[in-house]
Amino acid sequence: MPRVKRGTVRRAQRKKLSKLTKGYFLKKSKLYKFMKEAADRAGHFAYRDRRRKKRDFRRIWIVRIGAAARQNELTYSQFIHGMKKLGIDLDRKALADMAVRDAAGFTELAVKIKAAFSVTS
């Protein structure tokens, strides 16, 4: 069986890994075994947290909408229910942005929702 020498291929792989782990602390940026472990671990966290970020933002939006709704004497669930009832299709991202930047517009929306509740009650 012929002998395989991997000079350039191996060096290229290590350079690629070294580039990924540049700036890591101590052995994790210097020694191949530790570079590999650090890069694998970082990749795992990056993959997981790309999905996690979506959850986190949704939670933030819900908190912001809930706080703004409470200022207008509504709970978050009443507010969302009223939105669905009135057929207003705004996503949570837009609502949260409205609550932060356009408080008057959000209050107007809350008044419409309250009016819809008082008619049915």
PDB file of N, CA and C in Angstrom:
ATOM      1  N   MET A   1       0.843  -1.184   0.000  1.00  0.00           N
ATOM      2  CA  MET A   1       0.000   0.000   0.000  1.00  0.00           C
ATOM      3  C   MET A   1       0.888   1.248   0.000  1.00  0.00           C
ATOM      4  N   PRO A   2       0.581   2.217  -0.868  1.00  0.00           N
ATOM      5  CA  PRO A   2       1.438   3.401  -0.938  1.00  0.00           C
ATOM      6  C   PRO A   2       1.304   4.297   0.291  1.00  0.00           C
ATOM      7  N   ARG A   3       2.379   4.974   0.581  1.00  0.00           N
ATOM      8  CA  ARG A   3       2.407   5.881   1.722  1.00  0.00           C
ATOM      9  C   ARG A   3       1.759   7.213   1.326  1.00  0.00           C
ATOM     10  N   VAL A   4       0.921   7.716   2.199  1.00  0.00           N
ATOM     11  CA  VAL A   4       0.243   8.976   1.909  1.00  0.00           C
ATOM     12  C   VAL A   4       0.845  10.075   2.768  1.00  0.00           C
ATOM     13  N   LYS A   5       1.322  11.101   2.121  1.00  0.00           N
ATOM     14  CA  LYS A   5       1.832  12.250   2.865  1.00  0.00           C
ATOM     15  C   LYS A   5       0.837  13.380   2.691  1.00  0.00           C
ATOM     16  N   ARG A   6       0.413  13.976   3.797  1.00  0.00           N
ATOM     17  CA  ARG A   6      -0.649  14.973   3.730  1.00  0.00           C
ATOM     18  C   ARG A   6      -0.156  16.384   4.033  1.00  0.00           C
ATOM     19  N   GLY A   7       1.071  16.678   3.690  1.00  0.00           N
ATOM     20  CA  GLY A   7       1.662  17.965   4.040  1.00  0.00           C
ATOM     21  C   GLY A   7       0.769  19.167   3.832  1.00  0.00           C
ATOM     22  N   THR A   8       0.412  19.460   2.597  1.00  0.00           N
ATOM     23  CA  THR A   8      -0.331  20.685   2.318  1.00  0.00           C
ATOM     24  C   THR A   8      -1.778  20.595   2.788  1.00  0.00           C
ATOM     25  N   VAL A   9      -2.383  19.449   2.637  1.00  0.00           N
ATOM     26  CA  VAL A   9      -3.786  19.280   3.042  1.00  0.00           C
ATOM     27  C   VAL A   9      -3.907  19.445   4.552  1.00  0.00           C
ATOM     28  N   ARG A  10      -3.019  18.787   5.274  1.00  0.00           N
ATOM     29  CA  ARG A  10      -3.052  18.881   6.740  1.00  0.00           C
ATOM     30  C   ARG A  10      -2.791  20.315   7.180  1.00  0.00           C
ATOM     31  N   ARG A  11      -1.819  20.958   6.568  1.00  0.00           N
ATOM     32  CA  ARG A  11      -1.496  22.327   6.940  1.00  0.00           C
ATOM     33  C   ARG A  11      -2.672  23.251   6.657  1.00  0.00           C
ATOM     34  N   ALA A  12      -3.344  23.042   5.537  1.00  0.00           N
ATOM     35  CA  ALA A  12      -4.494  23.873   5.169  1.00  0.00           C
ATOM     36  C   ALA A  12      -5.616  23.707   6.198  1.00  0.00           C
ATOM     37  N   GLN A  13      -5.854  22.464   6.617  1.00  0.00           N
ATOM     38  CA  GLN A  13      -6.892  22.194   7.610  1.00  0.00           C
ATOM     39  C   GLN A  13      -6.572  22.885   8.932  1.00  0.00           C
ATOM     40  N   ARG A  14      -5.309  22.784   9.319  1.00  0.00           N
ATOM     41  CA  ARG A  14      -4.907  23.402  10.590  1.00  0.00           C
ATOM     42  C   ARG A  14      -4.971  24.921  10.512  1.00  0.00           C
ATOM     43  N   LYS A  15      -4.599  25.468   9.356  1.00  0.00           N
ATOM     44  CA  LYS A  15      -4.670  26.919   9.184  1.00  0.00           C
ATOM     45  C   LYS A  15      -6.125  27.389   9.278  1.00  0.00           C
ATOM     46  N   LYS A  16      -7.004  26.619   8.670  1.00  0.00           N
ATOM     47  CA  LYS A  16      -8.432  26.941   8.694  1.00  0.00           C
ATOM     48  C   LYS A  16      -8.957  26.927  10.133  1.00  0.00           C
ATOM     49  N   LEU A  17      -8.561  25.915  10.873  1.00  0.00           N
ATOM     50  CA  LEU A  17      -8.970  25.782  12.268  1.00  0.00           C
ATOM     51  C   LEU A  17      -8.356  26.883  13.111  1.00  0.00           C
ATOM     52  N   SER A  18      -7.104  27.210  12.817  1.00  0.00           N
ATOM     53  CA  SER A  18      -6.405  28.264  13.549  1.00  0.00           C
ATOM     54  C   SER A  18      -7.095  29.609  13.333  1.00  0.00           C
ATOM     55  N   LYS A  19      -7.577  29.824  12.124  1.00  0.00           N
ATOM     56  CA  LYS A  19      -8.292  31.052  11.802  1.00  0.00           C
ATOM     57  C   LYS A  19      -9.606  31.131  12.589  1.00  0.00           C
ATOM     58  N   LEU A  20     -10.284  29.993  12.718  1.00  0.00           N
ATOM     59  CA  LEU A  20     -11.545  29.941  13.473  1.00  0.00           C
ATOM     60  C   LEU A  20     -11.348  30.250  14.950  1.00  0.00           C
ATOM     61  N   THR A  21     -10.229  29.786  15.497  1.00  0.00           N
ATOM     62  CA  THR A  21     -10.017  29.919  16.942  1.00  0.00           C
ATOM     63  C   THR A  21      -9.089  31.065  17.306  1.00  0.00           C
ATOM     64  N   LYS A  22      -8.820  31.944  16.369  1.00  0.00           N
ATOM     65  CA  LYS A  22      -7.938  33.081  16.623  1.00  0.00           C
ATOM     66  C   LYS A  22      -8.531  33.936  17.740  1.00  0.00           C
ATOM     67  N   GLY A  23      -7.719  34.266  18.717  1.00  0.00           N
ATOM     68  CA  GLY A  23      -8.182  35.103  19.816  1.00  0.00           C
ATOM     69  C   GLY A  23      -8.686  34.319  21.014  1.00  0.00           C
ATOM     70  N   TYR A  24      -8.786  32.997  20.891  1.00  0.00           N
ATOM     71  CA  TYR A  24      -9.217  32.181  22.027  1.00  0.00           C
ATOM     72  C   TYR A  24      -8.097  32.144  23.064  1.00  0.00           C
ATOM     73  N   PHE A  25      -8.430  31.814  24.282  1.00  0.00           N
ATOM     74  CA  PHE A  25      -7.504  31.883  25.411  1.00  0.00           C
ATOM     75  C   PHE A  25      -6.575  30.663  25.478  1.00  0.00           C
ATOM     76  N   LEU A  26      -5.298  30.908  25.702  1.00  0.00           N
ATOM     77  CA  LEU A  26      -4.258  29.897  25.919  1.00  0.00           C
ATOM     78  C   LEU A  26      -4.254  28.784  24.880  1.00  0.00           C
ATOM     79  N   LYS A  27      -4.337  27.529  25.329  1.00  0.00           N
ATOM     80  CA  LYS A  27      -4.184  26.368  24.454  1.00  0.00           C
ATOM     81  C   LYS A  27      -5.225  26.319  23.336  1.00  0.00           C
ATOM     82  N   LYS A  28      -6.388  26.891  23.599  1.00  0.00           N
ATOM     83  CA  LYS A  28      -7.480  26.786  22.631  1.00  0.00           C
ATOM     84  C   LYS A  28      -7.185  27.492  21.314  1.00  0.00           C
ATOM     85  N   SER A  29      -6.182  28.352  21.309  1.00  0.00           N
ATOM     86  CA  SER A  29      -5.812  29.008  20.055  1.00  0.00           C
ATOM     87  C   SER A  29      -4.446  28.548  19.559  1.00  0.00           C
ATOM     88  N   LYS A  30      -3.780  27.655  20.322  1.00  0.00           N
ATOM     89  CA  LYS A  30      -2.405  27.284  19.964  1.00  0.00           C
ATOM     90  C   LYS A  30      -2.240  25.818  19.568  1.00  0.00           C
ATOM     91  N   LEU A  31      -2.861  24.916  20.313  1.00  0.00           N
ATOM     92  CA  LEU A  31      -2.638  23.485  20.107  1.00  0.00           C
ATOM     93  C   LEU A  31      -3.803  22.853  19.358  1.00  0.00           C
ATOM     94  N   TYR A  32      -3.472  22.012  18.381  1.00  0.00           N
ATOM     95  CA  TYR A  32      -4.462  21.463  17.454  1.00  0.00           C
ATOM     96  C   TYR A  32      -5.627  20.783  18.160  1.00  0.00           C
ATOM     97  N   LYS A  33      -5.319  19.907  19.100  1.00  0.00           N
ATOM     98  CA  LYS A  33      -6.376  19.147  19.786  1.00  0.00           C
ATOM     99  C   LYS A  33      -7.359  20.093  20.477  1.00  0.00           C
ATOM    100  N   PHE A  34      -6.826  21.088  21.141  1.00  0.00           N
ATOM    101  CA  PHE A  34      -7.670  22.017  21.887  1.00  0.00           C
ATOM    102  C   PHE A  34      -8.378  22.997  20.950  1.00  0.00           C
ATOM    103  N   MET A  35      -7.697  23.332  19.836  1.00  0.00           N
ATOM    104  CA  MET A  35      -8.344  24.185  18.841  1.00  0.00           C
ATOM    105  C   MET A  35      -9.588  23.490  18.289  1.00  0.00           C
ATOM    106  N   LYS A  36      -9.428  22.205  18.021  1.00  0.00           N
ATOM    107  CA  LYS A  36     -10.531  21.435  17.449  1.00  0.00           C
ATOM    108  C   LYS A  36     -11.712  21.378  18.423  1.00  0.00           C
ATOM    109  N   GLU A  37     -11.412  21.093  19.688  1.00  0.00           N
ATOM    110  CA  GLU A  37     -12.459  21.021  20.706  1.00  0.00           C
ATOM    111  C   GLU A  37     -13.169  22.366  20.855  1.00  0.00           C
ATOM    112  N   ALA A  38     -12.383  23.440  20.890  1.00  0.00           N
ATOM    113  CA  ALA A  38     -12.951  24.777  21.070  1.00  0.00           C
ATOM    114  C   ALA A  38     -13.832  25.165  19.877  1.00  0.00           C
ATOM    115  N   ALA A  39     -13.365  24.847  18.672  1.00  0.00           N
ATOM    116  CA  ALA A  39     -14.125  25.182  17.474  1.00  0.00           C
ATOM    117  C   ALA A  39     -15.426  24.379  17.412  1.00  0.00           C
ATOM    118  N   ASP A  40     -15.353  23.101  17.761  1.00  0.00           N
ATOM    119  CA  ASP A  40     -16.561  22.261  17.776  1.00  0.00           C
ATOM    120  C   ASP A  40     -17.575  22.800  18.775  1.00  0.00           C
ATOM    121  N   ARG A  41     -17.079  23.151  19.940  1.00  0.00           N
ATOM    122  CA  ARG A  41     -17.949  23.668  20.999  1.00  0.00           C
ATOM    123  C   ARG A  41     -18.586  24.998  20.579  1.00  0.00           C
ATOM    124  N   ALA A  42     -17.772  25.867  20.003  1.00  0.00           N
ATOM    125  CA  ALA A  42     -18.265  27.169  19.541  1.00  0.00           C
ATOM    126  C   ALA A  42     -19.318  26.985  18.451  1.00  0.00           C
ATOM    127  N   GLY A  43     -19.055  26.037  17.557  1.00  0.00           N
ATOM    128  CA  GLY A  43     -20.012  25.758  16.481  1.00  0.00           C
ATOM    129  C   GLY A  43     -21.336  25.248  17.019  1.00  0.00           C
ATOM    130  N   HIS A  44     -21.250  24.416  18.039  1.00  0.00           N
ATOM    131  CA  HIS A  44     -22.460  23.875  18.670  1.00  0.00           C
ATOM    132  C   HIS A  44     -23.291  25.002  19.283  1.00  0.00           C
ATOM    133  N   PHE A  45     -22.618  25.891  20.009  1.00  0.00           N
ATOM    134  CA  PHE A  45     -23.331  27.011  20.638  1.00  0.00           C
ATOM    135  C   PHE A  45     -23.914  27.951  19.585  1.00  0.00           C
ATOM    136  N   ALA A  46     -23.155  28.191  18.530  1.00  0.00           N
ATOM    137  CA  ALA A  46     -23.620  29.096  17.477  1.00  0.00           C
ATOM    138  C   ALA A  46     -24.881  28.539  16.821  1.00  0.00           C
ATOM    139  N   TYR A  47     -24.877  27.240  16.530  1.00  0.00           N
ATOM    140  CA  TYR A  47     -26.030  26.590  15.903  1.00  0.00           C
ATOM    141  C   TYR A  47     -27.242  26.666  16.819  1.00  0.00           C
ATOM    142  N   ARG A  48     -27.035  26.316  18.084  1.00  0.00           N
ATOM    143  CA  ARG A  48     -28.136  26.315  19.056  1.00  0.00           C
ATOM    144  C   ARG A  48     -28.698  27.720  19.250  1.00  0.00           C
ATOM    145  N   ASP A  49     -27.795  28.689  19.349  1.00  0.00           N
ATOM    146  CA  ASP A  49     -28.229  30.032  19.696  1.00  0.00           C
ATOM    147  C   ASP A  49     -28.826  30.802  18.527  1.00  0.00           C
ATOM    148  N   ARG A  50     -28.587  30.345  17.300  1.00  0.00           N
ATOM    149  CA  ARG A  50     -29.292  30.970  16.172  1.00  0.00           C
ATOM    150  C   ARG A  50     -30.783  30.692  16.290  1.00  0.00           C
ATOM    151  N   ARG A  51     -31.133  29.537  16.798  1.00  0.00           N
ATOM    152  CA  ARG A  51     -32.539  29.208  17.028  1.00  0.00           C
ATOM    153  C   ARG A  51     -33.054  29.878  18.301  1.00  0.00           C
ATOM    154  N   ARG A  52     -32.197  29.908  19.303  1.00  0.00           N
ATOM    155  CA  ARG A  52     -32.555  30.486  20.595  1.00  0.00           C
ATOM    156  C   ARG A  52     -32.877  31.980  20.478  1.00  0.00           C
ATOM    157  N   LYS A  53     -32.143  32.659  19.587  1.00  0.00           N
ATOM    158  CA  LYS A  53     -32.310  34.101  19.412  1.00  0.00           C
ATOM    159  C   LYS A  53     -33.745  34.437  19.022  1.00  0.00           C
ATOM    160  N   LYS A  54     -34.356  33.612  18.186  1.00  0.00           N
ATOM    161  CA  LYS A  54     -35.731  33.842  17.748  1.00  0.00           C
ATOM    162  C   LYS A  54     -36.685  33.785  18.939  1.00  0.00           C
ATOM    163  N   ARG A  55     -36.451  32.801  19.818  1.00  0.00           N
ATOM    164  CA  ARG A  55     -37.275  32.666  21.027  1.00  0.00           C
ATOM    165  C   ARG A  55     -37.115  33.874  21.936  1.00  0.00           C
ATOM    166  N   ASP A  56     -35.858  34.282  22.115  1.00  0.00           N
ATOM    167  CA  ASP A  56     -35.563  35.394  23.017  1.00  0.00           C
ATOM    168  C   ASP A  56     -36.220  36.690  22.545  1.00  0.00           C
ATOM    169  N   PHE A  57     -36.142  36.946  21.237  1.00  0.00           N
ATOM    170  CA  PHE A  57     -36.763  38.157  20.722  1.00  0.00           C
ATOM    171  C   PHE A  57     -38.269  38.119  20.902  1.00  0.00           C
ATOM    172  N   ARG A  58     -38.868  36.969  20.644  1.00  0.00           N
ATOM    173  CA  ARG A  58     -40.326  36.863  20.824  1.00  0.00           C
ATOM    174  C   ARG A  58     -40.703  37.158  22.276  1.00  0.00           C
ATOM    175  N   ARG A  59     -39.919  36.649  23.227  1.00  0.00           N
ATOM    176  CA  ARG A  59     -40.187  36.909  24.644  1.00  0.00           C
ATOM    177  C   ARG A  59     -40.094  38.390  24.963  1.00  0.00           C
ATOM    178  N   ILE A  60     -39.077  39.062  24.411  1.00  0.00           N
ATOM    179  CA  ILE A  60     -38.907  40.498  24.636  1.00  0.00           C
ATOM    180  C   ILE A  60     -40.107  41.261  24.083  1.00  0.00           C
ATOM    181  N   TRP A  61     -40.535  40.889  22.865  1.00  0.00           N
ATOM    182  CA  TRP A  61     -41.677  41.574  22.255  1.00  0.00           C
ATOM    183  C   TRP A  61     -42.923  41.412  23.116  1.00  0.00           C
ATOM    184  N   ILE A  62     -43.132  40.194  23.626  1.00  0.00           N
ATOM    185  CA  ILE A  62     -44.315  39.935  24.439  1.00  0.00           C
ATOM    186  C   ILE A  62     -44.275  40.760  25.720  1.00  0.00           C
ATOM    187  N   VAL A  63     -43.120  40.859  26.346  1.00  0.00           N
ATOM    188  CA  VAL A  63     -42.978  41.661  27.570  1.00  0.00           C
ATOM    189  C   VAL A  63     -43.290  43.131  27.277  1.00  0.00           C
ATOM    190  N   ARG A  64     -42.778  43.648  26.171  1.00  0.00           N
ATOM    191  CA  ARG A  64     -43.005  45.050  25.820  1.00  0.00           C
ATOM    192  C   ARG A  64     -44.474  45.328  25.520  1.00  0.00           C
ATOM    193  N   ILE A  65     -45.101  44.418  24.782  1.00  0.00           N
ATOM    194  CA  ILE A  65     -46.522  44.589  24.471  1.00  0.00           C
ATOM    195  C   ILE A  65     -47.349  44.515  25.747  1.00  0.00           C
ATOM    196  N   GLY A  66     -47.010  43.553  26.610  1.00  0.00           N
ATOM    197  CA  GLY A  66     -47.730  43.400  27.875  1.00  0.00           C
ATOM    198  C   GLY A  66     -47.624  44.634  28.749  1.00  0.00           C
ATOM    199  N   ALA A  67     -46.439  45.226  28.821  1.00  0.00           N
ATOM    200  CA  ALA A  67     -46.234  46.424  29.641  1.00  0.00           C
ATOM    201  C   ALA A  67     -47.043  47.594  29.092  1.00  0.00           C
ATOM    202  N   ALA A  68     -47.019  47.757  27.770  1.00  0.00           N
ATOM    203  CA  ALA A  68     -47.770  48.857  27.155  1.00  0.00           C
ATOM    204  C   ALA A  68     -49.271  48.630  27.299  1.00  0.00           C
ATOM    205  N   ALA A  69     -49.708  47.380  27.209  1.00  0.00           N
ATOM    206  CA  ALA A  69     -51.139  47.069  27.358  1.00  0.00           C
ATOM    207  C   ALA A  69     -51.597  47.370  28.782  1.00  0.00           C
ATOM    208  N   ARG A  70     -50.765  47.055  29.754  1.00  0.00           N
ATOM    209  CA  ARG A  70     -51.122  47.322  31.154  1.00  0.00           C
ATOM    210  C   ARG A  70     -51.244  48.817  31.436  1.00  0.00           C
ATOM    211  N   GLN A  71     -50.466  49.619  30.752  1.00  0.00           N
ATOM    212  CA  GLN A  71     -50.593  51.071  30.904  1.00  0.00           C
ATOM    213  C   GLN A  71     -51.950  51.563  30.391  1.00  0.00           C
ATOM    214  N   ASN A  72     -52.563  50.760  29.519  1.00  0.00           N
ATOM    215  CA  ASN A  72     -53.878  51.090  28.970  1.00  0.00           C
ATOM    216  C   ASN A  72     -54.986  50.216  29.578  1.00  0.00           C
ATOM    217  N   GLU A  73     -54.744  49.716  30.774  1.00  0.00           N
ATOM    218  CA  GLU A  73     -55.701  48.895  31.549  1.00  0.00           C
ATOM    219  C   GLU A  73     -56.175  47.644  30.805  1.00  0.00           C
ATOM    220  N   LEU A  74     -55.271  46.985  30.120  1.00  0.00           N
ATOM    221  CA  LEU A  74     -55.549  45.703  29.471  1.00  0.00           C
ATOM    222  C   LEU A  74     -54.441  44.729  29.816  1.00  0.00           C
ATOM    223  N   THR A  75     -54.763  43.454  29.826  1.00  0.00           N
ATOM    224  CA  THR A  75     -53.694  42.465  29.978  1.00  0.00           C
ATOM    225  C   THR A  75     -53.194  42.110  28.583  1.00  0.00           C
ATOM    226  N   TYR A  76     -52.076  41.430  28.529  1.00  0.00           N
ATOM    227  CA  TYR A  76     -51.509  41.017  27.246  1.00  0.00           C
ATOM    228  C   TYR A  76     -52.494  40.130  26.498  1.00  0.00           C
ATOM    229  N   SER A  77     -53.083  39.158  27.209  1.00  0.00           N
ATOM    230  CA  SER A  77     -53.976  38.201  26.543  1.00  0.00           C
ATOM    231  C   SER A  77     -55.246  38.889  26.043  1.00  0.00           C
ATOM    232  N   GLN A  78     -55.759  39.838  26.816  1.00  0.00           N
ATOM    233  CA  GLN A  78     -56.936  40.598  26.364  1.00  0.00           C
ATOM    234  C   GLN A  78     -56.590  41.400  25.112  1.00  0.00           C
ATOM    235  N   PHE A  79     -55.421  41.998  25.120  1.00  0.00           N
ATOM    236  CA  PHE A  79     -54.978  42.807  23.992  1.00  0.00           C
ATOM    237  C   PHE A  79     -54.881  41.966  22.717  1.00  0.00           C
ATOM    238  N   ILE A  80     -54.214  40.825  22.806  1.00  0.00           N
ATOM    239  CA  ILE A  80     -54.033  39.954  21.636  1.00  0.00           C
ATOM    240  C   ILE A  80     -55.381  39.399  21.177  1.00  0.00           C
ATOM    241  N   HIS A  81     -56.228  39.033  22.128  1.00  0.00           N
ATOM    242  CA  HIS A  81     -57.564  38.520  21.791  1.00  0.00           C
ATOM    243  C   HIS A  81     -58.367  39.598  21.058  1.00  0.00           C
ATOM    244  N   GLY A  82     -58.294  40.827  21.559  1.00  0.00           N
ATOM    245  CA  GLY A  82     -58.984  41.939  20.910  1.00  0.00           C
ATOM    246  C   GLY A  82     -58.474  42.197  19.509  1.00  0.00           C
ATOM    247  N   MET A  83     -57.168  42.068  19.323  1.00  0.00           N
ATOM    248  CA  MET A  83     -56.579  42.246  17.993  1.00  0.00           C
ATOM    249  C   MET A  83     -57.153  41.223  17.014  1.00  0.00           C
ATOM    250  N   LYS A  84     -57.227  39.971  17.466  1.00  0.00           N
ATOM    251  CA  LYS A  84     -57.740  38.901  16.605  1.00  0.00           C
ATOM    252  C   LYS A  84     -59.220  39.119  16.312  1.00  0.00           C
ATOM    253  N   LYS A  85     -59.939  39.548  17.336  1.00  0.00           N
ATOM    254  CA  LYS A  85     -61.372  39.783  17.220  1.00  0.00           C
ATOM    255  C   LYS A  85     -61.671  40.898  16.209  1.00  0.00           C
ATOM    256  N   LEU A  86     -60.871  41.957  16.235  1.00  0.00           N
ATOM    257  CA  LEU A  86     -61.047  43.080  15.316  1.00  0.00           C
ATOM    258  C   LEU A  86     -60.461  42.803  13.931  1.00  0.00           C
ATOM    259  N   GLY A  87     -59.735  41.708  13.827  1.00  0.00           N
ATOM    260  CA  GLY A  87     -59.137  41.344  12.537  1.00  0.00           C
ATOM    261  C   GLY A  87     -57.922  42.186  12.176  1.00  0.00           C
ATOM    262  N   ILE A  88     -57.227  42.686  13.181  1.00  0.00           N
ATOM    263  CA  ILE A  88     -56.019  43.478  12.945  1.00  0.00           C
ATOM    264  C   ILE A  88     -54.830  42.518  12.915  1.00  0.00           C
ATOM    265  N   ASP A  89     -54.162  42.471  11.775  1.00  0.00           N
ATOM    266  CA  ASP A  89     -53.050  41.530  11.605  1.00  0.00           C
ATOM    267  C   ASP A  89     -51.710  42.250  11.718  1.00  0.00           C
ATOM    268  N   LEU A  90     -51.297  42.511  12.934  1.00  0.00           N
ATOM    269  CA  LEU A  90     -49.957  43.044  13.174  1.00  0.00           C
ATOM    270  C   LEU A  90     -49.195  42.007  13.982  1.00  0.00           C
ATOM    271  N   ASP A  91     -47.963  41.721  13.574  1.00  0.00           N
ATOM    272  CA  ASP A  91     -47.192  40.742  14.334  1.00  0.00           C
ATOM    273  C   ASP A  91     -46.628  41.370  15.603  1.00  0.00           C
ATOM    274  N   ARG A  92     -46.103  40.522  16.472  1.00  0.00           N
ATOM    275  CA  ARG A  92     -45.619  40.984  17.775  1.00  0.00           C
ATOM    276  C   ARG A  92     -44.439  41.938  17.642  1.00  0.00           C
ATOM    277  N   LYS A  93     -43.621  41.724  16.626  1.00  0.00           N
ATOM    278  CA  LYS A  93     -42.465  42.603  16.416  1.00  0.00           C
ATOM    279  C   LYS A  93     -42.946  44.030  16.135  1.00  0.00           C
ATOM    280  N   ALA A  94     -43.927  44.158  15.250  1.00  0.00           N
ATOM    281  CA  ALA A  94     -44.455  45.478  14.898  1.00  0.00           C
ATOM    282  C   ALA A  94     -45.160  46.115  16.091  1.00  0.00           C
ATOM    283  N   LEU A  95     -45.912  45.309  16.834  1.00  0.00           N
ATOM    284  CA  LEU A  95     -46.623  45.833  18.012  1.00  0.00           C
ATOM    285  C   LEU A  95     -45.650  46.329  19.072  1.00  0.00           C
ATOM    286  N   ALA A  96     -44.589  45.561  19.306  1.00  0.00           N
ATOM    287  CA  ALA A  96     -43.591  45.950  20.305  1.00  0.00           C
ATOM    288  C   ALA A  96     -42.900  47.245  19.879  1.00  0.00           C
ATOM    289  N   ASP A  97     -42.605  47.347  18.595  1.00  0.00           N
ATOM    290  CA  ASP A  97     -41.983  48.561  18.077  1.00  0.00           C
ATOM    291  C   ASP A  97     -42.927  49.745  18.248  1.00  0.00           C
ATOM    292  N   MET A  98     -44.206  49.518  17.981  1.00  0.00           N
ATOM    293  CA  MET A  98     -45.206  50.569  18.138  1.00  0.00           C
ATOM    294  C   MET A  98     -45.320  50.987  19.603  1.00  0.00           C
ATOM    295  N   ALA A  99     -45.272  50.018  20.497  1.00  0.00           N
ATOM    296  CA  ALA A  99     -45.378  50.309  21.932  1.00  0.00           C
ATOM    297  C   ALA A  99     -44.216  51.180  22.401  1.00  0.00           C
ATOM    298  N   VAL A 100     -43.034  50.957  21.851  1.00  0.00           N
ATOM    299  CA  VAL A 100     -41.851  51.704  22.274  1.00  0.00           C
ATOM    300  C   VAL A 100     -41.774  53.066  21.587  1.00  0.00           C
ATOM    301  N   ARG A 101     -41.978  53.103  20.275  1.00  0.00           N
ATOM    302  CA  ARG A 101     -41.744  54.326  19.503  1.00  0.00           C
ATOM    303  C   ARG A 101     -42.981  55.199  19.294  1.00  0.00           C
ATOM    304  N   ASP A 102     -44.161  54.559  19.245  1.00  0.00           N
ATOM    305  CA  ASP A 102     -45.383  55.311  18.949  1.00  0.00           C
ATOM    306  C   ASP A 102     -46.436  54.993  20.013  1.00  0.00           C
ATOM    307  N   ALA A 103     -46.235  55.527  21.198  1.00  0.00           N
ATOM    308  CA  ALA A 103     -47.138  55.241  22.319  1.00  0.00           C
ATOM    309  C   ALA A 103     -48.558  55.722  22.036  1.00  0.00           C
ATOM    310  N   ALA A 104     -48.691  56.838  21.337  1.00  0.00           N
ATOM    311  CA  ALA A 104     -50.026  57.373  21.035  1.00  0.00           C
ATOM    312  C   ALA A 104     -50.795  56.424  20.117  1.00  0.00           C
ATOM    313  N   GLY A 105     -50.111  55.899  19.116  1.00  0.00           N
ATOM    314  CA  GLY A 105     -50.738  54.938  18.200  1.00  0.00           C
ATOM    315  C   GLY A 105     -51.147  53.664  18.918  1.00  0.00           C
ATOM    316  N   PHE A 106     -50.303  53.221  19.837  1.00  0.00           N
ATOM    317  CA  PHE A 106     -50.608  52.015  20.607  1.00  0.00           C
ATOM    318  C   PHE A 106     -51.820  52.262  21.502  1.00  0.00           C
ATOM    319  N   THR A 107     -51.890  53.446  22.103  1.00  0.00           N
ATOM    320  CA  THR A 107     -53.021  53.798  22.966  1.00  0.00           C
ATOM    321  C   THR A 107     -54.311  53.828  22.150  1.00  0.00           C
ATOM    322  N   GLU A 108     -54.222  54.357  20.942  1.00  0.00           N
ATOM    323  CA  GLU A 108     -55.384  54.392  20.044  1.00  0.00           C
ATOM    324  C   GLU A 108     -55.888  52.977  19.762  1.00  0.00           C
ATOM    325  N   LEU A 109     -54.953  52.084  19.505  1.00  0.00           N
ATOM    326  CA  LEU A 109     -55.280  50.686  19.253  1.00  0.00           C
ATOM    327  C   LEU A 109     -55.929  50.059  20.490  1.00  0.00           C
ATOM    328  N   ALA A 110     -55.382  50.357  21.652  1.00  0.00           N
ATOM    329  CA  ALA A 110     -55.920  49.824  22.900  1.00  0.00           C
ATOM    330  C   ALA A 110     -57.341  50.325  23.144  1.00  0.00           C
ATOM    331  N   VAL A 111     -57.599  51.573  22.799  1.00  0.00           N
ATOM    332  CA  VAL A 111     -58.950  52.143  22.962  1.00  0.00           C
ATOM    333  C   VAL A 111     -59.943  51.395  22.067  1.00  0.00           C
ATOM    334  N   LYS A 112     -59.547  51.121  20.821  1.00  0.00           N
ATOM    335  CA  LYS A 112     -60.416  50.357  19.903  1.00  0.00           C
ATOM    336  C   LYS A 112     -60.714  48.971  20.467  1.00  0.00           C
ATOM    337  N   ILE A 113     -59.690  48.347  21.037  1.00  0.00           N
ATOM    338  CA  ILE A 113     -59.862  47.001  21.597  1.00  0.00           C
ATOM    339  C   ILE A 113     -60.799  47.044  22.795  1.00  0.00           C
ATOM    340  N   LYS A 114     -60.617  48.042  23.656  1.00  0.00           N
ATOM    341  CA  LYS A 114     -61.498  48.197  24.820  1.00  0.00           C
ATOM    342  C   LYS A 114     -62.941  48.407  24.382  1.00  0.00           C
ATOM    343  N   ALA A 115     -63.121  49.198  23.345  1.00  0.00           N
ATOM    344  CA  ALA A 115     -64.466  49.461  22.822  1.00  0.00           C
ATOM    345  C   ALA A 115     -65.097  48.172  22.298  1.00  0.00           C
ATOM    346  N   ALA A 116     -64.298  47.334  21.646  1.00  0.00           N
ATOM    347  CA  ALA A 116     -64.810  46.054  21.137  1.00  0.00           C
ATOM    348  C   ALA A 116     -65.227  45.146  22.281  1.00  0.00           C
ATOM    349  N   PHE A 117     -64.489  45.200  23.400  1.00  0.00           N
ATOM    350  CA  PHE A 117     -64.849  44.390  24.574  1.00  0.00           C
ATOM    351  C   PHE A 117     -66.108  44.911  25.247  1.00  0.00           C
ATOM    352  N   SER A 118     -66.266  46.225  25.315  1.00  0.00           N
ATOM    353  CA  SER A 118     -67.421  46.784  26.029  1.00  0.00           C
ATOM    354  C   SER A 118     -68.711  46.572  25.257  1.00  0.00           C
ATOM    355  N   VAL A 119     -68.635  46.465  23.929  1.00  0.00           N
ATOM    356  CA  VAL A 119     -69.827  46.224  23.105  1.00  0.00           C
ATOM    357  C   VAL A 119     -70.349  44.818  23.346  1.00  0.00           C
ATOM    358  N   THR A 120     -69.436  43.845  23.440  1.00  0.00           N
ATOM    359  CA  THR A 120     -69.864  42.447  23.606  1.00  0.00           C
ATOM    360  C   THR A 120     -70.231  42.110  25.039  1.00  0.00           C
ATOM    361  N   SER A 121     -69.670  42.826  26.006  1.00  0.00           N
ATOM    362  CA  SER A 121     -69.918  42.498  27.413  1.00  0.00           C
ATOM    363  C   SER A 121     -71.265  42.937  27.893  1.00  0.00           C
TER     364      SER A 121
END
